[in-house]
Amino acid sequence: MTLNEVLFVILAALNLADVYTTMRGLASGKTEANSAMVWLIEKIGTAPALLLSKAVFLGFIYWYLELMPAWVIGALIGLYVYIVTNNIKVISGK
């Protein structure tokens, strides 16, 4: 496996964690902060909207994986670590 492939797997796992924590947060009465996601959720439902957005995002990243510098994927990993951590804080009320 190349470095970018390993980073992609980590990024995909974090995106799944984002879906899970977002679903938990929304189920507990919290609101989605991303207005584009709010719109998509209203149009097609929570799970389909979250999964579709992740599939498009990860598909785009995978398509360009060989061309993408590893630091870009690393930065996205950092962003998703922040997002998932924030989701957990929101769910726990901290």
PDB file of N, CA and C in Angstrom:
ATOM      1  N   MET A   1       0.836  -1.188   0.000  1.00  0.00           N
ATOM      2  CA  MET A   1       0.000   0.000   0.000  1.00  0.00           C
ATOM      3  C   MET A   1       0.878   1.248   0.000  1.00  0.00           C
ATOM      4  N   THR A   2       0.475   2.216  -0.777  1.00  0.00           N
ATOM      5  CA  THR A   2       1.207   3.477  -0.792  1.00  0.00           C
ATOM      6  C   THR A   2       0.785   4.323   0.415  1.00  0.00           C
ATOM      7  N   LEU A   3       1.561   5.354   0.691  1.00  0.00           N
ATOM      8  CA  LEU A   3       1.228   6.270   1.779  1.00  0.00           C
ATOM      9  C   LEU A   3      -0.152   6.888   1.551  1.00  0.00           C
ATOM     10  N   ASN A   4      -0.422   7.330   0.322  1.00  0.00           N
ATOM     11  CA  ASN A   4      -1.716   7.951   0.040  1.00  0.00           C
ATOM     12  C   ASN A   4      -2.876   6.977   0.253  1.00  0.00           C
ATOM     13  N   GLU A   5      -2.660   5.704  -0.050  1.00  0.00           N
ATOM     14  CA  GLU A   5      -3.718   4.716   0.167  1.00  0.00           C
ATOM     15  C   GLU A   5      -3.980   4.527   1.662  1.00  0.00           C
ATOM     16  N   VAL A   6      -2.922   4.478   2.448  1.00  0.00           N
ATOM     17  CA  VAL A   6      -3.079   4.361   3.901  1.00  0.00           C
ATOM     18  C   VAL A   6      -3.808   5.588   4.445  1.00  0.00           C
ATOM     19  N   LEU A   7      -3.408   6.763   4.003  1.00  0.00           N
ATOM     20  CA  LEU A   7      -4.070   7.991   4.442  1.00  0.00           C
ATOM     21  C   LEU A   7      -5.531   8.014   4.012  1.00  0.00           C
ATOM     22  N   PHE A   8      -5.819   7.499   2.829  1.00  0.00           N
ATOM     23  CA  PHE A   8      -7.199   7.449   2.346  1.00  0.00           C
ATOM     24  C   PHE A   8      -8.055   6.554   3.246  1.00  0.00           C
ATOM     25  N   VAL A   9      -7.527   5.424   3.646  1.00  0.00           N
ATOM     26  CA  VAL A   9      -8.265   4.521   4.541  1.00  0.00           C
ATOM     27  C   VAL A   9      -8.575   5.228   5.857  1.00  0.00           C
ATOM     28  N   ILE A  10      -7.606   5.954   6.393  1.00  0.00           N
ATOM     29  CA  ILE A  10      -7.820   6.718   7.633  1.00  0.00           C
ATOM     30  C   ILE A  10      -8.896   7.775   7.414  1.00  0.00           C
ATOM     31  N   LEU A  11      -8.813   8.488   6.288  1.00  0.00           N
ATOM     32  CA  LEU A  11      -9.799   9.519   5.964  1.00  0.00           C
ATOM     33  C   LEU A  11     -11.190   8.912   5.817  1.00  0.00           C
ATOM     34  N   ALA A  12     -11.288   7.764   5.168  1.00  0.00           N
ATOM     35  CA  ALA A  12     -12.581   7.101   5.005  1.00  0.00           C
ATOM     36  C   ALA A  12     -13.152   6.693   6.364  1.00  0.00           C
ATOM     37  N   ALA A  13     -12.307   6.166   7.246  1.00  0.00           N
ATOM     38  CA  ALA A  13     -12.760   5.775   8.581  1.00  0.00           C
ATOM     39  C   ALA A  13     -13.267   6.989   9.359  1.00  0.00           C
ATOM     40  N   LEU A  14     -12.563   8.097   9.248  1.00  0.00           N
ATOM     41  CA  LEU A  14     -13.002   9.314   9.928  1.00  0.00           C
ATOM     42  C   LEU A  14     -14.323   9.829   9.354  1.00  0.00           C
ATOM     43  N   ASN A  15     -14.529   9.664   8.061  1.00  0.00           N
ATOM     44  CA  ASN A  15     -15.797  10.064   7.465  1.00  0.00           C
ATOM     45  C   ASN A  15     -16.934   9.190   7.964  1.00  0.00           C
ATOM     46  N   LEU A  16     -16.681   7.899   8.132  1.00  0.00           N
ATOM     47  CA  LEU A  16     -17.696   7.023   8.719  1.00  0.00           C
ATOM     48  C   LEU A  16     -17.983   7.428  10.165  1.00  0.00           C
ATOM     49  N   ALA A  17     -16.943   7.794  10.896  1.00  0.00           N
ATOM     50  CA  ALA A  17     -17.130   8.281  12.269  1.00  0.00           C
ATOM     51  C   ALA A  17     -17.939   9.574  12.273  1.00  0.00           C
ATOM     52  N   ASP A  18     -17.731  10.421  11.277  1.00  0.00           N
ATOM     53  CA  ASP A  18     -18.504  11.655  11.155  1.00  0.00           C
ATOM     54  C   ASP A  18     -19.975  11.336  10.915  1.00  0.00           C
ATOM     55  N   VAL A  19     -20.250  10.384  10.027  1.00  0.00           N
ATOM     56  CA  VAL A  19     -21.637   9.986   9.776  1.00  0.00           C
ATOM     57  C   VAL A  19     -22.271   9.481  11.073  1.00  0.00           C
ATOM     58  N   TYR A  20     -21.576   8.583  11.762  1.00  0.00           N
ATOM     59  CA  TYR A  20     -22.109   7.998  12.998  1.00  0.00           C
ATOM     60  C   TYR A  20     -22.370   9.072  14.058  1.00  0.00           C
ATOM     61  N   THR A  21     -21.388   9.934  14.297  1.00  0.00           N
ATOM     62  CA  THR A  21     -21.556  10.940  15.353  1.00  0.00           C
ATOM     63  C   THR A  21     -22.589  11.995  14.954  1.00  0.00           C
ATOM     64  N   THR A  22     -22.677  12.304  13.674  1.00  0.00           N
ATOM     65  CA  THR A  22     -23.707  13.247  13.220  1.00  0.00           C
ATOM     66  C   THR A  22     -25.095  12.646  13.412  1.00  0.00           C
ATOM     67  N   MET A  23     -25.247  11.371  13.037  1.00  0.00           N
ATOM     68  CA  MET A  23     -26.536  10.696  13.224  1.00  0.00           C
ATOM     69  C   MET A  23     -26.912  10.669  14.711  1.00  0.00           C
ATOM     70  N   ARG A  24     -25.953  10.371  15.579  1.00  0.00           N
ATOM     71  CA  ARG A  24     -26.213  10.351  17.020  1.00  0.00           C
ATOM     72  C   ARG A  24     -26.620  11.739  17.516  1.00  0.00           C
ATOM     73  N   GLY A  25     -25.897  12.745  17.048  1.00  0.00           N
ATOM     74  CA  GLY A  25     -26.222  14.104  17.468  1.00  0.00           C
ATOM     75  C   GLY A  25     -27.604  14.541  17.014  1.00  0.00           C
ATOM     76  N   LEU A  26     -27.927  14.265  15.767  1.00  0.00           N
ATOM     77  CA  LEU A  26     -29.239  14.645  15.247  1.00  0.00           C
ATOM     78  C   LEU A  26     -30.352  13.877  15.954  1.00  0.00           C
ATOM     79  N   ALA A  27     -30.107  12.602  16.265  1.00  0.00           N
ATOM     80  CA  ALA A  27     -31.100  11.793  16.976  1.00  0.00           C
ATOM     81  C   ALA A  27     -31.342  12.305  18.395  1.00  0.00           C
ATOM     82  N   SER A  28     -30.328  12.979  18.965  1.00  0.00           N
ATOM     83  CA  SER A  28     -30.479  13.503  20.325  1.00  0.00           C
ATOM     84  C   SER A  28     -31.033  14.927  20.345  1.00  0.00           C
ATOM     85  N   GLY A  29     -31.422  15.420  19.166  1.00  0.00           N
ATOM     86  CA  GLY A  29     -32.049  16.737  19.110  1.00  0.00           C
ATOM     87  C   GLY A  29     -31.127  17.882  18.730  1.00  0.00           C
ATOM     88  N   LYS A  30     -29.875  17.590  18.485  1.00  0.00           N
ATOM     89  CA  LYS A  30     -28.936  18.631  18.058  1.00  0.00           C
ATOM     90  C   LYS A  30     -29.230  18.991  16.603  1.00  0.00           C
ATOM     91  N   THR A  31     -28.699  20.106  16.142  1.00  0.00           N
ATOM     92  CA  THR A  31     -28.927  20.536  14.764  1.00  0.00           C
ATOM     93  C   THR A  31     -27.640  20.439  13.953  1.00  0.00           C
ATOM     94  N   GLU A  32     -27.800  20.244  12.665  1.00  0.00           N
ATOM     95  CA  GLU A  32     -26.670  20.201  11.735  1.00  0.00           C
ATOM     96  C   GLU A  32     -26.184  21.626  11.499  1.00  0.00           C
ATOM     97  N   ALA A  33     -24.876  21.841  11.617  1.00  0.00           N
ATOM     98  CA  ALA A  33     -24.307  23.179  11.462  1.00  0.00           C
ATOM     99  C   ALA A  33     -24.074  23.554  10.002  1.00  0.00           C
ATOM    100  N   ASN A  34     -23.921  22.580   9.120  1.00  0.00           N
ATOM    101  CA  ASN A  34     -23.624  22.823   7.711  1.00  0.00           C
ATOM    102  C   ASN A  34     -24.939  23.053   6.968  1.00  0.00           C
ATOM    103  N   SER A  35     -25.160  24.279   6.493  1.00  0.00           N
ATOM    104  CA  SER A  35     -26.433  24.616   5.855  1.00  0.00           C
ATOM    105  C   SER A  35     -26.675  23.829   4.562  1.00  0.00           C
ATOM    106  N   ALA A  36     -25.622  23.484   3.850  1.00  0.00           N
ATOM    107  CA  ALA A  36     -25.792  22.663   2.645  1.00  0.00           C
ATOM    108  C   ALA A  36     -26.289  21.270   3.024  1.00  0.00           C
ATOM    109  N   MET A  37     -25.779  20.736   4.121  1.00  0.00           N
ATOM    110  CA  MET A  37     -26.237  19.419   4.587  1.00  0.00           C
ATOM    111  C   MET A  37     -27.671  19.494   5.103  1.00  0.00           C
ATOM    112  N   VAL A  38     -28.023  20.581   5.750  1.00  0.00           N
ATOM    113  CA  VAL A  38     -29.407  20.756   6.215  1.00  0.00           C
ATOM    114  C   VAL A  38     -30.348  20.683   5.016  1.00  0.00           C
ATOM    115  N   TRP A  39     -29.995  21.391   3.948  1.00  0.00           N
ATOM    116  CA  TRP A  39     -30.816  21.382   2.741  1.00  0.00           C
ATOM    117  C   TRP A  39     -30.936  19.968   2.169  1.00  0.00           C
ATOM    118  N   LEU A  40     -29.803  19.264   2.059  1.00  0.00           N
ATOM    119  CA  LEU A  40     -29.810  17.921   1.491  1.00  0.00           C
ATOM    120  C   LEU A  40     -30.589  16.954   2.386  1.00  0.00           C
ATOM    121  N   ILE A  41     -30.440  17.075   3.683  1.00  0.00           N
ATOM    122  CA  ILE A  41     -31.186  16.234   4.618  1.00  0.00           C
ATOM    123  C   ILE A  41     -32.685  16.457   4.449  1.00  0.00           C
ATOM    124  N   GLU A  42     -33.087  17.709   4.289  1.00  0.00           N
ATOM    125  CA  GLU A  42     -34.508  18.013   4.087  1.00  0.00           C
ATOM    126  C   GLU A  42     -35.024  17.403   2.786  1.00  0.00           C
ATOM    127  N   LYS A  43     -34.183  17.324   1.778  1.00  0.00           N
ATOM    128  CA  LYS A  43     -34.594  16.808   0.466  1.00  0.00           C
ATOM    129  C   LYS A  43     -34.657  15.287   0.419  1.00  0.00           C
ATOM    130  N   ILE A  44     -33.652  14.593   1.006  1.00  0.00           N
ATOM    131  CA  ILE A  44     -33.593  13.135   0.807  1.00  0.00           C
ATOM    132  C   ILE A  44     -33.501  12.329   2.112  1.00  0.00           C
ATOM    133  N   GLY A  45     -33.464  12.985   3.238  1.00  0.00           N
ATOM    134  CA  GLY A  45     -33.392  12.274   4.509  1.00  0.00           C
ATOM    135  C   GLY A  45     -31.975  12.268   5.076  1.00  0.00           C
ATOM    136  N   THR A  46     -31.884  11.995   6.358  1.00  0.00           N
ATOM    137  CA  THR A  46     -30.610  12.102   7.063  1.00  0.00           C
ATOM    138  C   THR A  46     -29.567  11.104   6.578  1.00  0.00           C
ATOM    139  N   ALA A  47     -29.855   9.827   6.703  1.00  0.00           N
ATOM    140  CA  ALA A  47     -28.857   8.816   6.325  1.00  0.00           C
ATOM    141  C   ALA A  47     -28.485   8.908   4.848  1.00  0.00           C
ATOM    142  N   PRO A  48     -29.472   9.002   3.929  1.00  0.00           N
ATOM    143  CA  PRO A  48     -29.078   9.118   2.520  1.00  0.00           C
ATOM    144  C   PRO A  48     -28.228  10.360   2.234  1.00  0.00           C
ATOM    145  N   ALA A  49     -28.562  11.472   2.871  1.00  0.00           N
ATOM    146  CA  ALA A  49     -27.808  12.706   2.637  1.00  0.00           C
ATOM    147  C   ALA A  49     -26.372  12.575   3.125  1.00  0.00           C
ATOM    148  N   LEU A  50     -26.219  12.041   4.323  1.00  0.00           N
ATOM    149  CA  LEU A  50     -24.869  11.891   4.874  1.00  0.00           C
ATOM    150  C   LEU A  50     -24.047  10.907   4.046  1.00  0.00           C
ATOM    151  N   LEU A  51     -24.634   9.776   3.707  1.00  0.00           N
ATOM    152  CA  LEU A  51     -23.901   8.761   2.941  1.00  0.00           C
ATOM    153  C   LEU A  51     -23.592   9.237   1.526  1.00  0.00           C
ATOM    154  N   LEU A  52     -24.527   9.928   0.892  1.00  0.00           N
ATOM    155  CA  LEU A  52     -24.280  10.454  -0.453  1.00  0.00           C
ATOM    156  C   LEU A  52     -23.153  11.476  -0.435  1.00  0.00           C
ATOM    157  N   SER A  53     -23.186  12.379   0.526  1.00  0.00           N
ATOM    158  CA  SER A  53     -22.136  13.405   0.587  1.00  0.00           C
ATOM    159  C   SER A  53     -20.766  12.777   0.814  1.00  0.00           C
ATOM    160  N   LYS A  54     -20.710  11.753   1.663  1.00  0.00           N
ATOM    161  CA  LYS A  54     -19.429  11.077   1.921  1.00  0.00           C
ATOM    162  C   LYS A  54     -18.968  10.300   0.696  1.00  0.00           C
ATOM    163  N   ALA A  55     -19.896   9.652   0.005  1.00  0.00           N
ATOM    164  CA  ALA A  55     -19.535   8.895  -1.192  1.00  0.00           C
ATOM    165  C   ALA A  55     -18.973   9.820  -2.273  1.00  0.00           C
ATOM    166  N   VAL A  56     -19.591  10.962  -2.457  1.00  0.00           N
ATOM    167  CA  VAL A  56     -19.106  11.924  -3.455  1.00  0.00           C
ATOM    168  C   VAL A  56     -17.737  12.453  -3.047  1.00  0.00           C
ATOM    169  N   PHE A  57     -17.608  12.859  -1.798  1.00  0.00           N
ATOM    170  CA  PHE A  57     -16.337  13.394  -1.311  1.00  0.00           C
ATOM    171  C   PHE A  57     -15.211  12.373  -1.423  1.00  0.00           C
ATOM    172  N   LEU A  58     -15.446  11.171  -0.882  1.00  0.00           N
ATOM    173  CA  LEU A  58     -14.400  10.145  -0.907  1.00  0.00           C
ATOM    174  C   LEU A  58     -14.124   9.662  -2.331  1.00  0.00           C
ATOM    175  N   GLY A  59     -15.155   9.615  -3.164  1.00  0.00           N
ATOM    176  CA  GLY A  59     -14.958   9.254  -4.566  1.00  0.00           C
ATOM    177  C   GLY A  59     -14.053  10.241  -5.273  1.00  0.00           C
ATOM    178  N   PHE A  60     -14.267  11.525  -5.018  1.00  0.00           N
ATOM    179  CA  PHE A  60     -13.427  12.570  -5.605  1.00  0.00           C
ATOM    180  C   PHE A  60     -11.984  12.420  -5.141  1.00  0.00           C
ATOM    181  N   ILE A  61     -11.794  12.237  -3.849  1.00  0.00           N
ATOM    182  CA  ILE A  61     -10.441  12.076  -3.308  1.00  0.00           C
ATOM    183  C   ILE A  61      -9.771  10.847  -3.914  1.00  0.00           C
ATOM    184  N   TYR A  62     -10.499   9.735  -3.972  1.00  0.00           N
ATOM    185  CA  TYR A  62      -9.922   8.495  -4.505  1.00  0.00           C
ATOM    186  C   TYR A  62      -9.552   8.639  -5.977  1.00  0.00           C
ATOM    187  N   TRP A  63     -10.400   9.335  -6.732  1.00  0.00           N
ATOM    188  CA  TRP A  63     -10.142   9.539  -8.164  1.00  0.00           C
ATOM    189  C   TRP A  63      -8.806  10.246  -8.386  1.00  0.00           C
ATOM    190  N   TYR A  64      -8.503  11.212  -7.538  1.00  0.00           N
ATOM    191  CA  TYR A  64      -7.273  12.004  -7.673  1.00  0.00           C
ATOM    192  C   TYR A  64      -6.173  11.560  -6.707  1.00  0.00           C
ATOM    193  N   LEU A  65      -6.321  10.409  -6.088  1.00  0.00           N
ATOM    194  CA  LEU A  65      -5.416   9.971  -5.036  1.00  0.00           C
ATOM    195  C   LEU A  65      -3.954   9.946  -5.474  1.00  0.00           C
ATOM    196  N   GLU A  66      -3.698   9.458  -6.668  1.00  0.00           N
ATOM    197  CA  GLU A  66      -2.307   9.359  -7.136  1.00  0.00           C
ATOM    198  C   GLU A  66      -1.692  10.730  -7.405  1.00  0.00           C
ATOM    199  N   LEU A  67      -2.515  11.704  -7.724  1.00  0.00           N
ATOM    200  CA  LEU A  67      -2.013  13.045  -8.045  1.00  0.00           C
ATOM    201  C   LEU A  67      -1.904  13.948  -6.826  1.00  0.00           C
ATOM    202  N   MET A  68      -2.554  13.556  -5.748  1.00  0.00           N
ATOM    203  CA  MET A  68      -2.673  14.417  -4.582  1.00  0.00           C
ATOM    204  C   MET A  68      -1.455  14.284  -3.671  1.00  0.00           C
ATOM    205  N   PRO A  69      -0.885  15.416  -3.270  1.00  0.00           N
ATOM    206  CA  PRO A  69       0.211  15.340  -2.296  1.00  0.00           C
ATOM    207  C   PRO A  69      -0.307  14.777  -0.968  1.00  0.00           C
ATOM    208  N   ALA A  70       0.513  14.006  -0.299  1.00  0.00           N
ATOM    209  CA  ALA A  70       0.112  13.378   0.961  1.00  0.00           C
ATOM    210  C   ALA A  70      -0.280  14.420   2.008  1.00  0.00           C
ATOM    211  N   TRP A  71       0.335  15.598   1.980  1.00  0.00           N
ATOM    212  CA  TRP A  71       0.015  16.603   2.990  1.00  0.00           C
ATOM    213  C   TRP A  71      -1.429  17.082   2.865  1.00  0.00           C
ATOM    214  N   VAL A  72      -1.977  17.056   1.646  1.00  0.00           N
ATOM    215  CA  VAL A  72      -3.372  17.474   1.460  1.00  0.00           C
ATOM    216  C   VAL A  72      -4.301  16.475   2.153  1.00  0.00           C
ATOM    217  N   ILE A  73      -4.047  15.197   1.957  1.00  0.00           N
ATOM    218  CA  ILE A  73      -4.862  14.173   2.618  1.00  0.00           C
ATOM    219  C   ILE A  73      -4.656  14.263   4.131  1.00  0.00           C
ATOM    220  N   GLY A  74      -3.437  14.504   4.551  1.00  0.00           N
ATOM    221  CA  GLY A  74      -3.156  14.684   5.975  1.00  0.00           C
ATOM    222  C   GLY A  74      -3.928  15.858   6.562  1.00  0.00           C
ATOM    223  N   ALA A  75      -4.015  16.943   5.814  1.00  0.00           N
ATOM    224  CA  ALA A  75      -4.778  18.105   6.277  1.00  0.00           C
ATOM    225  C   ALA A  75      -6.262  17.763   6.392  1.00  0.00           C
ATOM    226  N   LEU A  76      -6.778  17.005   5.432  1.00  0.00           N
ATOM    227  CA  LEU A  76      -8.176  16.572   5.498  1.00  0.00           C
ATOM    228  C   LEU A  76      -8.410  15.660   6.694  1.00  0.00           C
ATOM    229  N   ILE A  77      -7.443  14.802   6.985  1.00  0.00           N
ATOM    230  CA  ILE A  77      -7.532  13.950   8.174  1.00  0.00           C
ATOM    231  C   ILE A  77      -7.611  14.821   9.427  1.00  0.00           C
ATOM    232  N   GLY A  78      -6.762  15.827   9.511  1.00  0.00           N
ATOM    233  CA  GLY A  78      -6.792  16.748  10.649  1.00  0.00           C
ATOM    234  C   GLY A  78      -8.141  17.435  10.778  1.00  0.00           C
ATOM    235  N   LEU A  79      -8.708  17.857   9.645  1.00  0.00           N
ATOM    236  CA  LEU A  79     -10.024  18.492   9.651  1.00  0.00           C
ATOM    237  C   LEU A  79     -11.082  17.536  10.180  1.00  0.00           C
ATOM    238  N   TYR A  80     -11.053  16.297   9.718  1.00  0.00           N
ATOM    239  CA  TYR A  80     -12.066  15.336  10.161  1.00  0.00           C
ATOM    240  C   TYR A  80     -11.856  14.878  11.598  1.00  0.00           C
ATOM    241  N   VAL A  81     -10.633  14.879  12.085  1.00  0.00           N
ATOM    242  CA  VAL A  81     -10.404  14.620  13.512  1.00  0.00           C
ATOM    243  C   VAL A  81     -11.098  15.727  14.309  1.00  0.00           C
ATOM    244  N   TYR A  82     -10.948  16.964  13.871  1.00  0.00           N
ATOM    245  CA  TYR A  82     -11.606  18.086  14.538  1.00  0.00           C
ATOM    246  C   TYR A  82     -13.132  17.934  14.476  1.00  0.00           C
ATOM    247  N   ILE A  83     -13.674  17.613  13.300  1.00  0.00           N
ATOM    248  CA  ILE A  83     -15.119  17.497  13.123  1.00  0.00           C
ATOM    249  C   ILE A  83     -15.694  16.400  14.026  1.00  0.00           C
ATOM    250  N   VAL A  84     -15.074  15.233  14.015  1.00  0.00           N
ATOM    251  CA  VAL A  84     -15.580  14.122  14.827  1.00  0.00           C
ATOM    252  C   VAL A  84     -15.457  14.455  16.309  1.00  0.00           C
ATOM    253  N   THR A  85     -14.341  15.042  16.713  1.00  0.00           N
ATOM    254  CA  THR A  85     -14.157  15.445  18.109  1.00  0.00           C
ATOM    255  C   THR A  85     -15.222  16.460  18.510  1.00  0.00           C
ATOM    256  N   ASN A  86     -15.493  17.417  17.644  1.00  0.00           N
ATOM    257  CA  ASN A  86     -16.528  18.411  17.927  1.00  0.00           C
ATOM    258  C   ASN A  86     -17.899  17.756  18.035  1.00  0.00           C
ATOM    259  N   ASN A  87     -18.191  16.819  17.130  1.00  0.00           N
ATOM    260  CA  ASN A  87     -19.471  16.108  17.203  1.00  0.00           C
ATOM    261  C   ASN A  87     -19.622  15.407  18.552  1.00  0.00           C
ATOM    262  N   ILE A  88     -18.558  14.761  19.001  1.00  0.00           N
ATOM    263  CA  ILE A  88     -18.606  14.047  20.281  1.00  0.00           C
ATOM    264  C   ILE A  88     -18.844  15.042  21.430  1.00  0.00           C
ATOM    265  N   LYS A  89     -18.191  16.193  21.382  1.00  0.00           N
ATOM    266  CA  LYS A  89     -18.402  17.216  22.408  1.00  0.00           C
ATOM    267  C   LYS A  89     -19.853  17.706  22.397  1.00  0.00           C
ATOM    268  N   VAL A  90     -20.400  17.916  21.208  1.00  0.00           N
ATOM    269  CA  VAL A  90     -21.788  18.387  21.108  1.00  0.00           C
ATOM    270  C   VAL A  90     -22.742  17.337  21.662  1.00  0.00           C
ATOM    271  N   ILE A  91     -22.514  16.084  21.304  1.00  0.00           N
ATOM    272  CA  ILE A  91     -23.384  14.995  21.791  1.00  0.00           C
ATOM    273  C   ILE A  91     -23.326  14.902  23.312  1.00  0.00           C
ATOM    274  N   SER A  92     -22.118  15.022  23.865  1.00  0.00           N
ATOM    275  CA  SER A  92     -21.965  14.870  25.318  1.00  0.00           C
ATOM    276  C   SER A  92     -22.306  16.129  26.087  1.00  0.00           C
ATOM    277  N   GLY A  93     -22.545  17.227  25.383  1.00  0.00           N
ATOM    278  CA  GLY A  93     -22.926  18.464  26.039  1.00  0.00           C
ATOM    279  C   GLY A  93     -21.772  19.225  26.646  1.00  0.00           C
ATOM    280  N   LYS A  94     -20.556  18.939  26.219  1.00  0.00           N
ATOM    281  CA  LYS A  94     -19.368  19.620  26.780  1.00  0.00           C
ATOM    282  C   LYS A  94     -18.896  20.733  25.902  1.00  0.00           C
TER     283      LYS A  94
END
